[in-house]
Amino acid sequence: MVLTFLGPFCSLFHLTNTVVELIKLLYLVDVQDKFPEVNIVEAYFLVLEGKYIIQFMGEKFLKTEIPLDLYKNVENNFAERLAAEEENQFMIDVKWANEFLKK
């Protein structure tokens, strides 16, 4: 599975890779629990008309809107750990997000 990060959107709206990847992983787990029959192969984080969206692609296309307060909560709750991670990480992806949440 590929969880793709759309960098230009995130830098344009002052979002960070680390927070975006954590949110994508949290939603991916939820989608897989609710729709186990859907084989998700990619997930894109988009900003459309000022709304944060995750588009899951696979056998079916699923889309969910991310509340701004969720982004802010993840960002604030993990602020110190995320700052330390960003300095030492070259690749911020689903593998990184999974390892980060296991710590």
PDB file of N, CA and C in Angstrom:
ATOM      1  N   MET A   1       0.835  -1.170   0.000  1.00  0.00           N
ATOM      2  CA  MET A   1       0.000   0.000   0.000  1.00  0.00           C
ATOM      3  C   MET A   1       0.883   1.237   0.000  1.00  0.00           C
ATOM      4  N   VAL A   2       0.442   2.233  -0.727  1.00  0.00           N
ATOM      5  CA  VAL A   2       1.159   3.498  -0.795  1.00  0.00           C
ATOM      6  C   VAL A   2       0.275   4.572  -0.186  1.00  0.00           C
ATOM      7  N   LEU A   3       0.790   5.262   0.802  1.00  0.00           N
ATOM      8  CA  LEU A   3       0.085   6.418   1.340  1.00  0.00           C
ATOM      9  C   LEU A   3       0.840   7.637   0.846  1.00  0.00           C
ATOM     10  N   THR A   4       0.267   8.320  -0.104  1.00  0.00           N
ATOM     11  CA  THR A   4       0.962   9.404  -0.780  1.00  0.00           C
ATOM     12  C   THR A   4       0.684  10.732  -0.105  1.00  0.00           C
ATOM     13  N   PHE A   5       1.709  11.505   0.013  1.00  0.00           N
ATOM     14  CA  PHE A   5       1.623  12.836   0.601  1.00  0.00           C
ATOM     15  C   PHE A   5       1.734  13.854  -0.517  1.00  0.00           C
ATOM     16  N   LEU A   6       0.804  14.762  -0.597  1.00  0.00           N
ATOM     17  CA  LEU A   6       0.844  15.797  -1.623  1.00  0.00           C
ATOM     18  C   LEU A   6       1.477  17.042  -1.041  1.00  0.00           C
ATOM     19  N   GLY A   7       2.771  17.140  -1.158  1.00  0.00           N
ATOM     20  CA  GLY A   7       3.568  18.196  -0.551  1.00  0.00           C
ATOM     21  C   GLY A   7       3.161  19.616  -0.861  1.00  0.00           C
ATOM     22  N   PRO A   8       2.938  19.979  -2.129  1.00  0.00           N
ATOM     23  CA  PRO A   8       2.606  21.375  -2.421  1.00  0.00           C
ATOM     24  C   PRO A   8       1.373  21.866  -1.671  1.00  0.00           C
ATOM     25  N   PHE A   9       0.381  20.990  -1.514  1.00  0.00           N
ATOM     26  CA  PHE A   9      -0.809  21.398  -0.779  1.00  0.00           C
ATOM     27  C   PHE A   9      -0.480  21.672   0.680  1.00  0.00           C
ATOM     28  N   CYS A  10       0.342  20.821   1.247  1.00  0.00           N
ATOM     29  CA  CYS A  10       0.663  20.967   2.663  1.00  0.00           C
ATOM     30  C   CYS A  10       1.499  22.199   2.930  1.00  0.00           C
ATOM     31  N   SER A  11       2.488  22.463   2.095  1.00  0.00           N
ATOM     32  CA  SER A  11       3.296  23.655   2.331  1.00  0.00           C
ATOM     33  C   SER A  11       2.481  24.917   2.088  1.00  0.00           C
ATOM     34  N   LEU A  12       1.578  24.859   1.137  1.00  0.00           N
ATOM     35  CA  LEU A  12       0.731  26.008   0.835  1.00  0.00           C
ATOM     36  C   LEU A  12      -0.164  26.358   2.020  1.00  0.00           C
ATOM     37  N   PHE A  13      -0.660  25.359   2.706  1.00  0.00           N
ATOM     38  CA  PHE A  13      -1.577  25.580   3.817  1.00  0.00           C
ATOM     39  C   PHE A  13      -0.901  25.407   5.179  1.00  0.00           C
ATOM     40  N   HIS A  14       0.420  25.407   5.203  1.00  0.00           N
ATOM     41  CA  HIS A  14       1.203  25.339   6.440  1.00  0.00           C
ATOM     42  C   HIS A  14       0.924  24.074   7.247  1.00  0.00           C
ATOM     43  N   LEU A  15       0.774  22.973   6.561  1.00  0.00           N
ATOM     44  CA  LEU A  15       0.600  21.691   7.222  1.00  0.00           C
ATOM     45  C   LEU A  15       1.949  20.988   7.272  1.00  0.00           C
ATOM     46  N   THR A  16       2.113  20.103   8.240  1.00  0.00           N
ATOM     47  CA  THR A  16       3.381  19.386   8.333  1.00  0.00           C
ATOM     48  C   THR A  16       3.214  17.933   7.900  1.00  0.00           C
ATOM     49  N   ASN A  17       4.258  17.408   7.276  1.00  0.00           N
ATOM     50  CA  ASN A  17       4.249  16.025   6.801  1.00  0.00           C
ATOM     51  C   ASN A  17       3.920  15.050   7.923  1.00  0.00           C
ATOM     52  N   THR A  18       4.511  15.267   9.075  1.00  0.00           N
ATOM     53  CA  THR A  18       4.356  14.319  10.173  1.00  0.00           C
ATOM     54  C   THR A  18       2.907  14.227  10.646  1.00  0.00           C
ATOM     55  N   VAL A  19       2.265  15.356  10.833  1.00  0.00           N
ATOM     56  CA  VAL A  19       0.870  15.358  11.294  1.00  0.00           C
ATOM     57  C   VAL A  19      -0.031  14.745  10.228  1.00  0.00           C
ATOM     58  N   VAL A  20       0.200  15.093   8.976  1.00  0.00           N
ATOM     59  CA  VAL A  20      -0.595  14.549   7.878  1.00  0.00           C
ATOM     60  C   VAL A  20      -0.475  13.024   7.835  1.00  0.00           C
ATOM     61  N   GLU A  21       0.728  12.496   7.957  1.00  0.00           N
ATOM     62  CA  GLU A  21       0.910  11.040   7.900  1.00  0.00           C
ATOM     63  C   GLU A  21       0.256  10.343   9.087  1.00  0.00           C
ATOM     64  N   LEU A  22       0.324  10.934  10.258  1.00  0.00           N
ATOM     65  CA  LEU A  22      -0.344  10.338  11.425  1.00  0.00           C
ATOM     66  C   LEU A  22      -1.851  10.285  11.215  1.00  0.00           C
ATOM     67  N   ILE A  23      -2.424  11.357  10.724  1.00  0.00           N
ATOM     68  CA  ILE A  23      -3.872  11.391  10.492  1.00  0.00           C
ATOM     69  C   ILE A  23      -4.265  10.388   9.415  1.00  0.00           C
ATOM     70  N   LYS A  24      -3.491  10.313   8.341  1.00  0.00           N
ATOM     71  CA  LYS A  24      -3.791   9.340   7.289  1.00  0.00           C
ATOM     72  C   LYS A  24      -3.781   7.921   7.841  1.00  0.00           C
ATOM     73  N   LEU A  25      -2.815   7.607   8.675  1.00  0.00           N
ATOM     74  CA  LEU A  25      -2.739   6.263   9.245  1.00  0.00           C
ATOM     75  C   LEU A  25      -3.928   5.989  10.164  1.00  0.00           C
ATOM     76  N   LEU A  26      -4.288   6.942  10.998  1.00  0.00           N
ATOM     77  CA  LEU A  26      -5.436   6.761  11.893  1.00  0.00           C
ATOM     78  C   LEU A  26      -6.716   6.504  11.098  1.00  0.00           C
ATOM     79  N   TYR A  27      -6.912   7.263  10.036  1.00  0.00           N
ATOM     80  CA  TYR A  27      -8.106   7.073   9.213  1.00  0.00           C
ATOM     81  C   TYR A  27      -8.038   5.778   8.421  1.00  0.00           C
ATOM     82  N   LEU A  28      -6.854   5.395   7.975  1.00  0.00           N
ATOM     83  CA  LEU A  28      -6.706   4.142   7.239  1.00  0.00           C
ATOM     84  C   LEU A  28      -7.131   2.960   8.102  1.00  0.00           C
ATOM     85  N   VAL A  29      -6.694   2.937   9.341  1.00  0.00           N
ATOM     86  CA  VAL A  29      -7.073   1.858  10.260  1.00  0.00           C
ATOM     87  C   VAL A  29      -8.589   1.820  10.420  1.00  0.00           C
ATOM     88  N   ASP A  30      -9.213   2.977  10.569  1.00  0.00           N
ATOM     89  CA  ASP A  30     -10.662   3.057  10.720  1.00  0.00           C
ATOM     90  C   ASP A  30     -11.377   2.555   9.462  1.00  0.00           C
ATOM     91  N   VAL A  31     -10.910   2.974   8.303  1.00  0.00           N
ATOM     92  CA  VAL A  31     -11.525   2.546   7.037  1.00  0.00           C
ATOM     93  C   VAL A  31     -11.386   1.037   6.860  1.00  0.00           C
ATOM     94  N   GLN A  32     -10.220   0.497   7.167  1.00  0.00           N
ATOM     95  CA  GLN A  32     -10.027  -0.947   7.026  1.00  0.00           C
ATOM     96  C   GLN A  32     -10.903  -1.734   7.993  1.00  0.00           C
ATOM     97  N   ASP A  33     -11.160  -1.181   9.182  1.00  0.00           N
ATOM     98  CA  ASP A  33     -12.068  -1.840  10.127  1.00  0.00           C
ATOM     99  C   ASP A  33     -13.504  -1.821   9.616  1.00  0.00           C
ATOM    100  N   LYS A  34     -13.924  -0.691   9.063  1.00  0.00           N
ATOM    101  CA  LYS A  34     -15.309  -0.536   8.608  1.00  0.00           C
ATOM    102  C   LYS A  34     -15.571  -1.196   7.260  1.00  0.00           C
ATOM    103  N   PHE A  35     -14.549  -1.245   6.412  1.00  0.00           N
ATOM    104  CA  PHE A  35     -14.699  -1.788   5.065  1.00  0.00           C
ATOM    105  C   PHE A  35     -13.583  -2.800   4.779  1.00  0.00           C
ATOM    106  N   PRO A  36     -13.582  -3.941   5.482  1.00  0.00           N
ATOM    107  CA  PRO A  36     -12.482  -4.897   5.313  1.00  0.00           C
ATOM    108  C   PRO A  36     -12.401  -5.484   3.905  1.00  0.00           C
ATOM    109  N   GLU A  37     -13.502  -5.438   3.177  1.00  0.00           N
ATOM    110  CA  GLU A  37     -13.517  -5.998   1.827  1.00  0.00           C
ATOM    111  C   GLU A  37     -12.847  -5.086   0.798  1.00  0.00           C
ATOM    112  N   VAL A  38     -12.627  -3.835   1.151  1.00  0.00           N
ATOM    113  CA  VAL A  38     -12.025  -2.882   0.218  1.00  0.00           C
ATOM    114  C   VAL A  38     -10.506  -2.955   0.343  1.00  0.00           C
ATOM    115  N   ASN A  39      -9.855  -3.232  -0.746  1.00  0.00           N
ATOM    116  CA  ASN A  39      -8.396  -3.309  -0.770  1.00  0.00           C
ATOM    117  C   ASN A  39      -7.841  -1.917  -1.082  1.00  0.00           C
ATOM    118  N   ILE A  40      -7.478  -1.172  -0.049  1.00  0.00           N
ATOM    119  CA  ILE A  40      -6.934   0.175  -0.225  1.00  0.00           C
ATOM    120  C   ILE A  40      -5.488   0.051  -0.696  1.00  0.00           C
ATOM    121  N   VAL A  41      -5.166   0.716  -1.800  1.00  0.00           N
ATOM    122  CA  VAL A  41      -3.798   0.666  -2.318  1.00  0.00           C
ATOM    123  C   VAL A  41      -3.091   2.016  -2.230  1.00  0.00           C
ATOM    124  N   GLU A  42      -3.855   3.089  -2.149  1.00  0.00           N
ATOM    125  CA  GLU A  42      -3.260   4.414  -2.022  1.00  0.00           C
ATOM    126  C   GLU A  42      -4.170   5.310  -1.193  1.00  0.00           C
ATOM    127  N   ALA A  43      -3.563   6.298  -0.558  1.00  0.00           N
ATOM    128  CA  ALA A  43      -4.321   7.308   0.184  1.00  0.00           C
ATOM    129  C   ALA A  43      -3.671   8.658  -0.069  1.00  0.00           C
ATOM    130  N   TYR A  44      -4.478   9.610  -0.447  1.00  0.00           N
ATOM    131  CA  TYR A  44      -3.991  10.958  -0.731  1.00  0.00           C
ATOM    132  C   TYR A  44      -4.594  11.940   0.262  1.00  0.00           C
ATOM    133  N   PHE A  45      -3.797  12.851   0.740  1.00  0.00           N
ATOM    134  CA  PHE A  45      -4.276  13.943   1.582  1.00  0.00           C
ATOM    135  C   PHE A  45      -4.396  15.160   0.679  1.00  0.00           C
ATOM    136  N   LEU A  46      -5.585  15.721   0.623  1.00  0.00           N
ATOM    137  CA  LEU A  46      -5.854  16.846  -0.262  1.00  0.00           C
ATOM    138  C   LEU A  46      -6.443  18.009   0.517  1.00  0.00           C
ATOM    139  N   VAL A  47      -6.273  19.182  -0.014  1.00  0.00           N
ATOM    140  CA  VAL A  47      -6.979  20.352   0.492  1.00  0.00           C
ATOM    141  C   VAL A  47      -7.834  20.850  -0.663  1.00  0.00           C
ATOM    142  N   LEU A  48      -9.152  20.716  -0.511  1.00  0.00           N
ATOM    143  CA  LEU A  48     -10.094  21.108  -1.548  1.00  0.00           C
ATOM    144  C   LEU A  48     -11.080  22.109  -0.979  1.00  0.00           C
ATOM    145  N   GLU A  49     -11.119  23.279  -1.594  1.00  0.00           N
ATOM    146  CA  GLU A  49     -12.035  24.335  -1.158  1.00  0.00           C
ATOM    147  C   GLU A  49     -11.893  24.607   0.333  1.00  0.00           C
ATOM    148  N   GLY A  50     -10.662  24.590   0.818  1.00  0.00           N
ATOM    149  CA  GLY A  50     -10.391  24.885   2.218  1.00  0.00           C
ATOM    150  C   GLY A  50     -10.667  23.747   3.182  1.00  0.00           C
ATOM    151  N   LYS A  51     -11.053  22.588   2.665  1.00  0.00           N
ATOM    152  CA  LYS A  51     -11.334  21.429   3.516  1.00  0.00           C
ATOM    153  C   LYS A  51     -10.219  20.412   3.369  1.00  0.00           C
ATOM    154  N   TYR A  52      -9.886  19.739   4.475  1.00  0.00           N
ATOM    155  CA  TYR A  52      -8.888  18.675   4.453  1.00  0.00           C
ATOM    156  C   TYR A  52      -9.601  17.366   4.119  1.00  0.00           C
ATOM    157  N   ILE A  53      -9.102  16.677   3.116  1.00  0.00           N
ATOM    158  CA  ILE A  53      -9.738  15.462   2.620  1.00  0.00           C
ATOM    159  C   ILE A  53      -8.697  14.350   2.529  1.00  0.00           C
ATOM    160  N   ILE A  54      -9.085  13.131   2.885  1.00  0.00           N
ATOM    161  CA  ILE A  54      -8.274  11.962   2.568  1.00  0.00           C
ATOM    162  C   ILE A  54      -9.064  11.158   1.548  1.00  0.00           C
ATOM    163  N   GLN A  55      -8.422  10.893   0.417  1.00  0.00           N
ATOM    164  CA  GLN A  55      -9.017  10.089  -0.652  1.00  0.00           C
ATOM    165  C   GLN A  55      -8.330   8.727  -0.643  1.00  0.00           C
ATOM    166  N   PHE A  56      -9.097   7.681  -0.357  1.00  0.00           N
ATOM    167  CA  PHE A  56      -8.579   6.317  -0.380  1.00  0.00           C
ATOM    168  C   PHE A  56      -8.908   5.707  -1.731  1.00  0.00           C
ATOM    169  N   MET A  57      -7.924   5.063  -2.333  1.00  0.00           N
ATOM    170  CA  MET A  57      -8.118   4.463  -3.642  1.00  0.00           C
ATOM    171  C   MET A  57      -7.804   2.980  -3.571  1.00  0.00           C
ATOM    172  N   GLY A  58      -8.640   2.218  -4.217  1.00  0.00           N
ATOM    173  CA  GLY A  58      -8.479   0.773  -4.260  1.00  0.00           C
ATOM    174  C   GLY A  58      -9.593   0.203  -5.103  1.00  0.00           C
ATOM    175  N   GLU A  59     -10.156  -0.899  -4.655  1.00  0.00           N
ATOM    176  CA  GLU A  59     -11.277  -1.485  -5.371  1.00  0.00           C
ATOM    177  C   GLU A  59     -12.466  -0.533  -5.383  1.00  0.00           C
ATOM    178  N   LYS A  60     -12.565   0.277  -4.362  1.00  0.00           N
ATOM    179  CA  LYS A  60     -13.556   1.354  -4.286  1.00  0.00           C
ATOM    180  C   LYS A  60     -12.811   2.626  -3.929  1.00  0.00           C
ATOM    181  N   PHE A  61     -13.399   3.738  -4.260  1.00  0.00           N
ATOM    182  CA  PHE A  61     -12.833   5.025  -3.883  1.00  0.00           C
ATOM    183  C   PHE A  61     -13.633   5.565  -2.704  1.00  0.00           C
ATOM    184  N   LEU A  62     -12.945   5.821  -1.617  1.00  0.00           N
ATOM    185  CA  LEU A  62     -13.583   6.353  -0.422  1.00  0.00           C
ATOM    186  C   LEU A  62     -12.946   7.686  -0.091  1.00  0.00           C
ATOM    187  N   LYS A  63     -13.752   8.597   0.384  1.00  0.00           N
ATOM    188  CA  LYS A  63     -13.256   9.932   0.708  1.00  0.00           C
ATOM    189  C   LYS A  63     -13.818  10.339   2.055  1.00  0.00           C
ATOM    190  N   THR A  64     -12.993  10.994   2.859  1.00  0.00           N
ATOM    191  CA  THR A  64     -13.456  11.484   4.155  1.00  0.00           C
ATOM    192  C   THR A  64     -12.890  12.867   4.410  1.00  0.00           C
ATOM    193  N   GLU A  65     -13.678  13.690   5.050  1.00  0.00           N
ATOM    194  CA  GLU A  65     -13.228  15.033   5.417  1.00  0.00           C
ATOM    195  C   GLU A  65     -12.610  14.985   6.810  1.00  0.00           C
ATOM    196  N   ILE A  66     -11.492  15.671   6.963  1.00  0.00           N
ATOM    197  CA  ILE A  66     -10.775  15.713   8.232  1.00  0.00           C
ATOM    198  C   ILE A  66     -11.099  17.031   8.926  1.00  0.00           C
ATOM    199  N   PRO A  67     -11.662  16.990  10.118  1.00  0.00           N
ATOM    200  CA  PRO A  67     -11.945  18.241  10.837  1.00  0.00           C
ATOM    201  C   PRO A  67     -10.645  18.973  11.189  1.00  0.00           C
ATOM    202  N   LEU A  68     -10.660  20.278  11.038  1.00  0.00           N
ATOM    203  CA  LEU A  68      -9.485  21.084  11.359  1.00  0.00           C
ATOM    204  C   LEU A  68      -9.069  20.880  12.811  1.00  0.00           C
ATOM    205  N   ASP A  69     -10.037  20.736  13.713  1.00  0.00           N
ATOM    206  CA  ASP A  69      -9.678  20.549  15.121  1.00  0.00           C
ATOM    207  C   ASP A  69      -8.927  19.236  15.352  1.00  0.00           C
ATOM    208  N   LEU A  70      -9.183  18.205  14.544  1.00  0.00           N
ATOM    209  CA  LEU A  70      -8.417  16.963  14.663  1.00  0.00           C
ATOM    210  C   LEU A  70      -6.963  17.216  14.282  1.00  0.00           C
ATOM    211  N   TYR A  71      -6.748  17.928  13.184  1.00  0.00           N
ATOM    212  CA  TYR A  71      -5.375  18.252  12.775  1.00  0.00           C
ATOM    213  C   TYR A  71      -4.666  18.995  13.907  1.00  0.00           C
ATOM    214  N   LYS A  72      -5.328  20.014  14.450  1.00  0.00           N
ATOM    215  CA  LYS A  72      -4.727  20.814  15.526  1.00  0.00           C
ATOM    216  C   LYS A  72      -4.466  19.967  16.771  1.00  0.00           C
ATOM    217  N   ASN A  73      -5.389  19.075  17.119  1.00  0.00           N
ATOM    218  CA  ASN A  73      -5.204  18.212  18.294  1.00  0.00           C
ATOM    219  C   ASN A  73      -4.004  17.286  18.133  1.00  0.00           C
ATOM    220  N   VAL A  74      -3.883  16.653  16.981  1.00  0.00           N
ATOM    221  CA  VAL A  74      -2.732  15.771  16.739  1.00  0.00           C
ATOM    222  C   VAL A  74      -1.448  16.586  16.789  1.00  0.00           C
ATOM    223  N   GLU A  75      -1.462  17.728  16.137  1.00  0.00           N
ATOM    224  CA  GLU A  75      -0.287  18.602  16.119  1.00  0.00           C
ATOM    225  C   GLU A  75       0.117  19.016  17.535  1.00  0.00           C
ATOM    226  N   ASN A  76      -0.844  19.426  18.341  1.00  0.00           N
ATOM    227  CA  ASN A  76      -0.558  19.888  19.706  1.00  0.00           C
ATOM    228  C   ASN A  76      -0.178  18.745  20.647  1.00  0.00           C
ATOM    229  N   ASN A  77      -0.878  17.629  20.561  1.00  0.00           N
ATOM    230  CA  ASN A  77      -0.620  16.508  21.471  1.00  0.00           C
ATOM    231  C   ASN A  77       0.747  15.868  21.265  1.00  0.00           C
ATOM    232  N   PHE A  78       1.255  15.928  20.053  1.00  0.00           N
ATOM    233  CA  PHE A  78       2.539  15.298  19.753  1.00  0.00           C
ATOM    234  C   PHE A  78       3.624  16.315  19.422  1.00  0.00           C
ATOM    235  N   ALA A  79       3.429  17.572  19.750  1.00  0.00           N
ATOM    236  CA  ALA A  79       4.329  18.651  19.320  1.00  0.00           C
ATOM    237  C   ALA A  79       5.796  18.381  19.628  1.00  0.00           C
ATOM    238  N   GLU A  80       6.113  18.044  20.862  1.00  0.00           N
ATOM    239  CA  GLU A  80       7.514  17.837  21.238  1.00  0.00           C
ATOM    240  C   GLU A  80       8.120  16.635  20.523  1.00  0.00           C
ATOM    241  N   ARG A  81       7.398  15.537  20.522  1.00  0.00           N
ATOM    242  CA  ARG A  81       7.910  14.334  19.845  1.00  0.00           C
ATOM    243  C   ARG A  81       8.051  14.555  18.349  1.00  0.00           C
ATOM    244  N   LEU A  82       7.097  15.265  17.749  1.00  0.00           N
ATOM    245  CA  LEU A  82       7.163  15.519  16.312  1.00  0.00           C
ATOM    246  C   LEU A  82       8.343  16.406  15.954  1.00  0.00           C
ATOM    247  N   ALA A  83       8.607  17.405  16.767  1.00  0.00           N
ATOM    248  CA  ALA A  83       9.744  18.297  16.507  1.00  0.00           C
ATOM    249  C   ALA A  83      11.045  17.502  16.503  1.00  0.00           C
ATOM    250  N   ALA A  84      11.204  16.605  17.444  1.00  0.00           N
ATOM    251  CA  ALA A  84      12.410  15.776  17.512  1.00  0.00           C
ATOM    252  C   ALA A  84      12.500  14.834  16.313  1.00  0.00           C
ATOM    253  N   GLU A  85      11.382  14.277  15.907  1.00  0.00           N
ATOM    254  CA  GLU A  85      11.360  13.346  14.774  1.00  0.00           C
ATOM    255  C   GLU A  85      11.705  14.039  13.463  1.00  0.00           C
ATOM    256  N   GLU A  86      11.175  15.236  13.254  1.00  0.00           N
ATOM    257  CA  GLU A  86      11.396  15.932  11.989  1.00  0.00           C
ATOM    258  C   GLU A  86      12.866  16.234  11.759  1.00  0.00           C
ATOM    259  N   GLU A  87      13.603  16.457  12.822  1.00  0.00           N
ATOM    260  CA  GLU A  87      15.030  16.750  12.685  1.00  0.00           C
ATOM    261  C   GLU A  87      15.815  15.523  12.244  1.00  0.00           C
ATOM    262  N   ASN A  88      15.355  14.340  12.596  1.00  0.00           N
ATOM    263  CA  ASN A  88      16.114  13.120  12.347  1.00  0.00           C
ATOM    264  C   ASN A  88      15.566  12.248  11.231  1.00  0.00           C
ATOM    265  N   GLN A  89      14.439  12.614  10.649  1.00  0.00           N
ATOM    266  CA  GLN A  89      13.808  11.752   9.663  1.00  0.00           C
ATOM    267  C   GLN A  89      13.930  12.319   8.261  1.00  0.00           C
ATOM    268  N   PHE A  90      14.346  11.459   7.346  1.00  0.00           N
ATOM    269  CA  PHE A  90      14.385  11.837   5.940  1.00  0.00           C
ATOM    270  C   PHE A  90      13.062  11.488   5.275  1.00  0.00           C
ATOM    271  N   MET A  91      12.534  10.299   5.582  1.00  0.00           N
ATOM    272  CA  MET A  91      11.317   9.821   4.941  1.00  0.00           C
ATOM    273  C   MET A  91      10.171   9.816   5.944  1.00  0.00           C
ATOM    274  N   ILE A  92       9.180  10.639   5.679  1.00  0.00           N
ATOM    275  CA  ILE A  92       7.969  10.672   6.498  1.00  0.00           C
ATOM    276  C   ILE A  92       6.888   9.992   5.672  1.00  0.00           C
ATOM    277  N   ASP A  93       6.500   8.792   6.074  1.00  0.00           N
ATOM    278  CA  ASP A  93       5.517   8.022   5.329  1.00  0.00           C
ATOM    279  C   ASP A  93       4.716   7.156   6.300  1.00  0.00           C
ATOM    280  N   VAL A  94       3.924   6.244   5.757  1.00  0.00           N
ATOM    281  CA  VAL A  94       3.082   5.409   6.611  1.00  0.00           C
ATOM    282  C   VAL A  94       3.927   4.528   7.535  1.00  0.00           C
ATOM    283  N   LYS A  95       5.060   4.060   7.051  1.00  0.00           N
ATOM    284  CA  LYS A  95       5.939   3.251   7.901  1.00  0.00           C
ATOM    285  C   LYS A  95       6.425   4.081   9.086  1.00  0.00           C
ATOM    286  N   TRP A  96       6.836   5.304   8.814  1.00  0.00           N
ATOM    287  CA  TRP A  96       7.268   6.197   9.890  1.00  0.00           C
ATOM    288  C   TRP A  96       6.118   6.424  10.871  1.00  0.00           C
ATOM    289  N   ALA A  97       4.914   6.737  10.365  1.00  0.00           N
ATOM    290  CA  ALA A  97       3.764   7.023  11.230  1.00  0.00           C
ATOM    291  C   ALA A  97       3.454   5.836  12.135  1.00  0.00           C
ATOM    292  N   ASN A  98       3.509   4.641  11.578  1.00  0.00           N
ATOM    293  CA  ASN A  98       3.239   3.436  12.356  1.00  0.00           C
ATOM    294  C   ASN A  98       4.266   3.270  13.477  1.00  0.00           C
ATOM    295  N   GLU A  99       5.531   3.437  13.168  1.00  0.00           N
ATOM    296  CA  GLU A  99       6.581   3.326  14.188  1.00  0.00           C
ATOM    297  C   GLU A  99       6.455   4.428  15.240  1.00  0.00           C
ATOM    298  N   PHE A 100       6.117   5.622  14.815  1.00  0.00           N
ATOM    299  CA  PHE A 100       5.963   6.749  15.731  1.00  0.00           C
ATOM    300  C   PHE A 100       4.871   6.467  16.755  1.00  0.00           C
ATOM    301  N   LEU A 101       3.741   5.958  16.304  1.00  0.00           N
ATOM    302  CA  LEU A 101       2.621   5.692  17.211  1.00  0.00           C
ATOM    303  C   LEU A 101       2.882   4.504  18.133  1.00  0.00           C
ATOM    304  N   LYS A 102       3.783   3.613  17.753  1.00  0.00           N
ATOM    305  CA  LYS A 102       4.125   2.470  18.605  1.00  0.00           C
ATOM    306  C   LYS A 102       5.000   2.873  19.783  1.00  0.00           C
ATOM    307  N   LYS A 103       5.686   4.011  19.685  1.00  0.00           N
ATOM    308  CA  LYS A 103       6.614   4.445  20.743  1.00  0.00           C
ATOM    309  C   LYS A 103       5.875   4.901  21.976  1.00  0.00           C
TER     310      LYS A 103
END
